[in-house]
Structures are given as C-alpha cells and as structure tokens.
Amino acid sequence: QVQLVESGGGLVQAGGSLRLSCVASGRTFSSYAMGWFRQAPGKEREFVGGSRRSDASTYYADSVKGRFTTSRDNAKNTVYLQMNSLNPEDTAVYYCAAGLVGGTRIRGYDYWGQGTQVTVSS
C-alpha cells in the first residue's frame, strides 16, 4: 500500500511558476513509476508527466513539454513537478500517482493522491 500526499498548489499569475511536491509512504517508492495528472472543471483527467521506475527517465504531454519538469528523490520518497510559464489553461487539480506499469493512461497507476489545486490568473 502506498499513500501519496501532494502539496505546493496555489494561485499564480500567467507566466509564473510553481513547484508541486508529492510525498509517498512506504519503503518501496523506487519500485514505482510515478506520474502527474490534472483535471480541469468539466474535463477528463489527463496525463501531464511521468518518470519510469526502471531508470527514472521522464516523458511529458505535448501541452506541457518544455515548460514542466518532473523529478524524483528516492531517498526522500518524493516526486516533484516544476511548472514554468504557466498559463490559464493549466488551471486544474493536479494529482500524483504511483504504479508498477506507469505510462500515460490512468489505468497504469494504482495509487493516487488527493490532489492540489493550481489556479493561473490571466
């Protein structure tokens, strides 16, 4: 069982930056692929970025590529999402997730955090 707790969300102006953190419980954090997803009001949850469990390499949705960076610190059981050049379309609840499969689909993840709100004003 893995429990995930996100933090770092808030209100930011367009063009600004935020860094989200996600702390995981358990001793097998490095065994999991980690992902970030987001869900805007009235929209489906969508993939943002992820890191593979094999080598911690990262991959991103086209909509955030070049602006967002995810990283993980296995010693701290923490994964981060650095978000730069934010725009109002990035407004959503952001979730971190852990799974043995990972990937860009929700079904690749077994554990989810409670989410943290990110609001970007124009």
C-alpha atoms as a PDB file:
ATOM      1  CA  GLN A   1       0.000   0.000   0.000  1.00  0.00           C
ATOM      2  CA  VAL A   2       1.260   3.467  -0.923  1.00  0.00           C
ATOM      3  CA  GLN A   3      -0.150   6.736   0.297  1.00  0.00           C
ATOM      4  CA  LEU A   4       0.551   9.916  -1.646  1.00  0.00           C
ATOM      5  CA  VAL A   5       0.239  13.475  -0.392  1.00  0.00           C
ATOM      6  CA  GLU A   6       0.609  16.426  -2.770  1.00  0.00           C
ATOM      7  CA  SER A   7       1.431  19.993  -1.824  1.00  0.00           C
ATOM      8  CA  GLY A   8       2.542  23.218  -3.439  1.00  0.00           C
ATOM      9  CA  GLY A   9      -0.534  24.258  -5.334  1.00  0.00           C
ATOM     10  CA  GLY A  10      -1.904  27.783  -5.262  1.00  0.00           C
ATOM     11  CA  LEU A  11      -2.742  30.884  -7.236  1.00  0.00           C
ATOM     12  CA  VAL A  12      -0.197  32.288  -9.666  1.00  0.00           C
ATOM     13  CA  GLN A  13      -0.254  34.847 -12.443  1.00  0.00           C
ATOM     14  CA  ALA A  14       0.202  33.845 -16.048  1.00  0.00           C
ATOM     15  CA  GLY A  15       3.879  33.432 -16.849  1.00  0.00           C
ATOM     16  CA  GLY A  16       4.684  32.433 -13.287  1.00  0.00           C
ATOM     17  CA  SER A  17       5.989  29.207 -11.797  1.00  0.00           C
ATOM     18  CA  LEU A  18       5.006  26.692  -9.151  1.00  0.00           C
ATOM     19  CA  ARG A  19       6.592  23.538  -7.833  1.00  0.00           C
ATOM     20  CA  LEU A  20       4.395  20.696  -6.688  1.00  0.00           C
ATOM     21  CA  SER A  21       5.642  18.002  -4.331  1.00  0.00           C
ATOM     22  CA  CYS A  22       4.278  14.547  -3.698  1.00  0.00           C
ATOM     23  CA  VAL A  23       5.474  12.547  -0.721  1.00  0.00           C
ATOM     24  CA  ALA A  24       4.913   8.803  -0.723  1.00  0.00           C
ATOM     25  CA  SER A  25       4.679   6.475   2.234  1.00  0.00           C
ATOM     26  CA  GLY A  26       6.286   3.062   2.219  1.00  0.00           C
ATOM     27  CA  ARG A  27       9.749   1.685   1.673  1.00  0.00           C
ATOM     28  CA  THR A  28       9.403   0.677  -1.972  1.00  0.00           C
ATOM     29  CA  PHE A  29       8.998   4.104  -3.561  1.00  0.00           C
ATOM     30  CA  SER A  30      11.791   3.491  -6.061  1.00  0.00           C
ATOM     31  CA  SER A  31       9.940   0.431  -7.351  1.00  0.00           C
ATOM     32  CA  TYR A  32       7.069   2.505  -8.707  1.00  0.00           C
ATOM     33  CA  ALA A  33       6.596   4.531 -11.830  1.00  0.00           C
ATOM     34  CA  MET A  34       5.354   7.970 -10.866  1.00  0.00           C
ATOM     35  CA  GLY A  35       3.014  10.173 -12.807  1.00  0.00           C
ATOM     36  CA  TRP A  36       1.349  13.551 -12.671  1.00  0.00           C
ATOM     37  CA  PHE A  37      -2.163  14.103 -13.977  1.00  0.00           C
ATOM     38  CA  ARG A  38      -4.532  17.037 -13.910  1.00  0.00           C
ATOM     39  CA  GLN A  39      -8.256  17.574 -14.128  1.00  0.00           C
ATOM     40  CA  ALA A  40      -9.906  20.846 -15.020  1.00  0.00           C
ATOM     41  CA  PRO A  41     -13.582  21.524 -14.266  1.00  0.00           C
ATOM     42  CA  GLY A  42     -15.828  19.667 -16.674  1.00  0.00           C
ATOM     43  CA  LYS A  43     -12.927  17.836 -18.291  1.00  0.00           C
ATOM     44  CA  GLU A  44     -11.451  14.382 -18.015  1.00  0.00           C
ATOM     45  CA  ARG A  45      -8.328  13.715 -16.046  1.00  0.00           C
ATOM     46  CA  GLU A  46      -5.317  13.954 -18.324  1.00  0.00           C
ATOM     47  CA  PHE A  47      -1.692  12.918 -18.202  1.00  0.00           C
ATOM     48  CA  VAL A  48       0.902  15.639 -17.589  1.00  0.00           C
ATOM     49  CA  GLY A  49       4.255  13.959 -16.992  1.00  0.00           C
ATOM     50  CA  GLY A  50       5.829  10.839 -15.593  1.00  0.00           C
ATOM     51  CA  SER A  51       9.029   9.094 -14.604  1.00  0.00           C
ATOM     52  CA  ARG A  52       9.793   5.461 -15.287  1.00  0.00           C
ATOM     53  CA  ARG A  53      10.679   3.143 -12.433  1.00  0.00           C
ATOM     54  CA  SER A  54      13.441   1.457 -14.452  1.00  0.00           C
ATOM     55  CA  ASP A  55      15.717   4.443 -14.868  1.00  0.00           C
ATOM     56  CA  ALA A  56      13.687   7.447 -13.700  1.00  0.00           C
ATOM     57  CA  SER A  57      13.648   8.792 -17.259  1.00  0.00           C
ATOM     58  CA  THR A  58      10.850  11.260 -17.874  1.00  0.00           C
ATOM     59  CA  TYR A  59       8.199  11.908 -20.500  1.00  0.00           C
ATOM     60  CA  TYR A  60       5.548  14.568 -20.932  1.00  0.00           C
ATOM     61  CA  ALA A  61       2.309  15.500 -22.581  1.00  0.00           C
ATOM     62  CA  ASP A  62       2.824  17.727 -25.602  1.00  0.00           C
ATOM     63  CA  SER A  63       0.860  20.513 -23.935  1.00  0.00           C
ATOM     64  CA  VAL A  64       3.465  20.919 -21.191  1.00  0.00           C
ATOM     65  CA  LYS A  65       6.659  19.782 -22.877  1.00  0.00           C
ATOM     66  CA  GLY A  66       9.402  22.352 -22.429  1.00  0.00           C
ATOM     67  CA  ARG A  67       7.540  24.069 -19.587  1.00  0.00           C
ATOM     68  CA  PHE A  68       7.070  21.345 -16.959  1.00  0.00           C
ATOM     69  CA  THR A  69       9.715  19.072 -15.453  1.00  0.00           C
ATOM     70  CA  THR A  70       9.199  16.126 -13.156  1.00  0.00           C
ATOM     71  CA  SER A  71      11.927  14.689 -10.971  1.00  0.00           C
ATOM     72  CA  ARG A  72      12.130  12.254  -8.115  1.00  0.00           C
ATOM     73  CA  ASP A  73      14.230  11.911  -4.996  1.00  0.00           C
ATOM     74  CA  ASN A  74      14.062   8.277  -3.941  1.00  0.00           C
ATOM     75  CA  ALA A  75      15.896   8.985  -0.694  1.00  0.00           C
ATOM     76  CA  LYS A  76      13.075  11.338   0.306  1.00  0.00           C
ATOM     77  CA  ASN A  77      10.245   9.306  -1.242  1.00  0.00           C
ATOM     78  CA  THR A  78       9.284  12.462  -3.092  1.00  0.00           C
ATOM     79  CA  VAL A  79       8.418  13.358  -6.657  1.00  0.00           C
ATOM     80  CA  TYR A  80       8.271  16.930  -7.907  1.00  0.00           C
ATOM     81  CA  LEU A  81       6.593  18.777 -10.737  1.00  0.00           C
ATOM     82  CA  GLN A  82       8.246  22.067 -11.634  1.00  0.00           C
ATOM     83  CA  MET A  83       5.846  24.162 -13.685  1.00  0.00           C
ATOM     84  CA  ASN A  84       7.120  27.203 -15.561  1.00  0.00           C
ATOM     85  CA  SER A  85       5.499  29.653 -17.975  1.00  0.00           C
ATOM     86  CA  LEU A  86       2.096  28.828 -16.604  1.00  0.00           C
ATOM     87  CA  ASN A  87      -0.991  29.958 -18.475  1.00  0.00           C
ATOM     88  CA  PRO A  88      -4.697  29.952 -17.563  1.00  0.00           C
ATOM     89  CA  GLU A  89      -5.197  26.692 -19.477  1.00  0.00           C
ATOM     90  CA  ASP A  90      -3.017  24.990 -16.866  1.00  0.00           C
ATOM     91  CA  THR A  91      -5.634  25.662 -14.179  1.00  0.00           C
ATOM     92  CA  ALA A  92      -6.699  22.319 -12.728  1.00  0.00           C
ATOM     93  CA  VAL A  93      -6.440  19.985  -9.784  1.00  0.00           C
ATOM     94  CA  TYR A  94      -3.116  18.202 -10.064  1.00  0.00           C
ATOM     95  CA  TYR A  95      -2.703  14.619  -8.889  1.00  0.00           C
ATOM     96  CA  CYS A  96       0.351  12.464  -8.416  1.00  0.00           C
ATOM     97  CA  ALA A  97       0.076   8.739  -8.933  1.00  0.00           C
ATOM     98  CA  ALA A  98       2.166   5.620  -8.418  1.00  0.00           C
ATOM     99  CA  GLY A  99       2.015   2.335 -10.256  1.00  0.00           C
ATOM    100  CA  LEU A 100       4.001  -0.668 -11.374  1.00  0.00           C
ATOM    101  CA  VAL A 101       3.090  -0.008 -15.005  1.00  0.00           C
ATOM    102  CA  GLY A 102       3.033   3.802 -15.281  1.00  0.00           C
ATOM    103  CA  GLY A 103       2.643   5.355 -18.704  1.00  0.00           C
ATOM    104  CA  THR A 104       0.221   7.999 -19.908  1.00  0.00           C
ATOM    105  CA  ARG A 105      -3.025   6.246 -19.041  1.00  0.00           C
ATOM    106  CA  ILE A 106      -4.880   6.316 -15.743  1.00  0.00           C
ATOM    107  CA  ARG A 107      -5.080   2.526 -15.629  1.00  0.00           C
ATOM    108  CA  GLY A 108      -1.306   2.309 -15.356  1.00  0.00           C
ATOM    109  CA  TYR A 109      -1.420   3.683 -11.820  1.00  0.00           C
ATOM    110  CA  ASP A 110      -2.626   2.001  -8.678  1.00  0.00           C
ATOM    111  CA  TYR A 111      -2.330   4.744  -6.087  1.00  0.00           C
ATOM    112  CA  TRP A 112      -3.432   8.374  -6.205  1.00  0.00           C
ATOM    113  CA  GLY A 113      -3.013  11.433  -4.057  1.00  0.00           C
ATOM    114  CA  GLN A 114      -5.853  13.681  -3.029  1.00  0.00           C
ATOM    115  CA  GLY A 115      -4.905  16.419  -5.474  1.00  0.00           C
ATOM    116  CA  THR A 116      -3.773  20.015  -5.147  1.00  0.00           C
ATOM    117  CA  GLN A 117      -5.402  22.986  -6.845  1.00  0.00           C
ATOM    118  CA  VAL A 118      -3.421  25.125  -9.269  1.00  0.00           C
ATOM    119  CA  THR A 119      -5.055  28.310 -10.482  1.00  0.00           C
ATOM    120  CA  VAL A 120      -3.418  30.543 -13.075  1.00  0.00           C
ATOM    121  CA  SER A 121      -4.864  34.016 -13.474  1.00  0.00           C
ATOM    122  CA  SER A 122      -4.606  35.990 -16.690  1.00  0.00           C
END
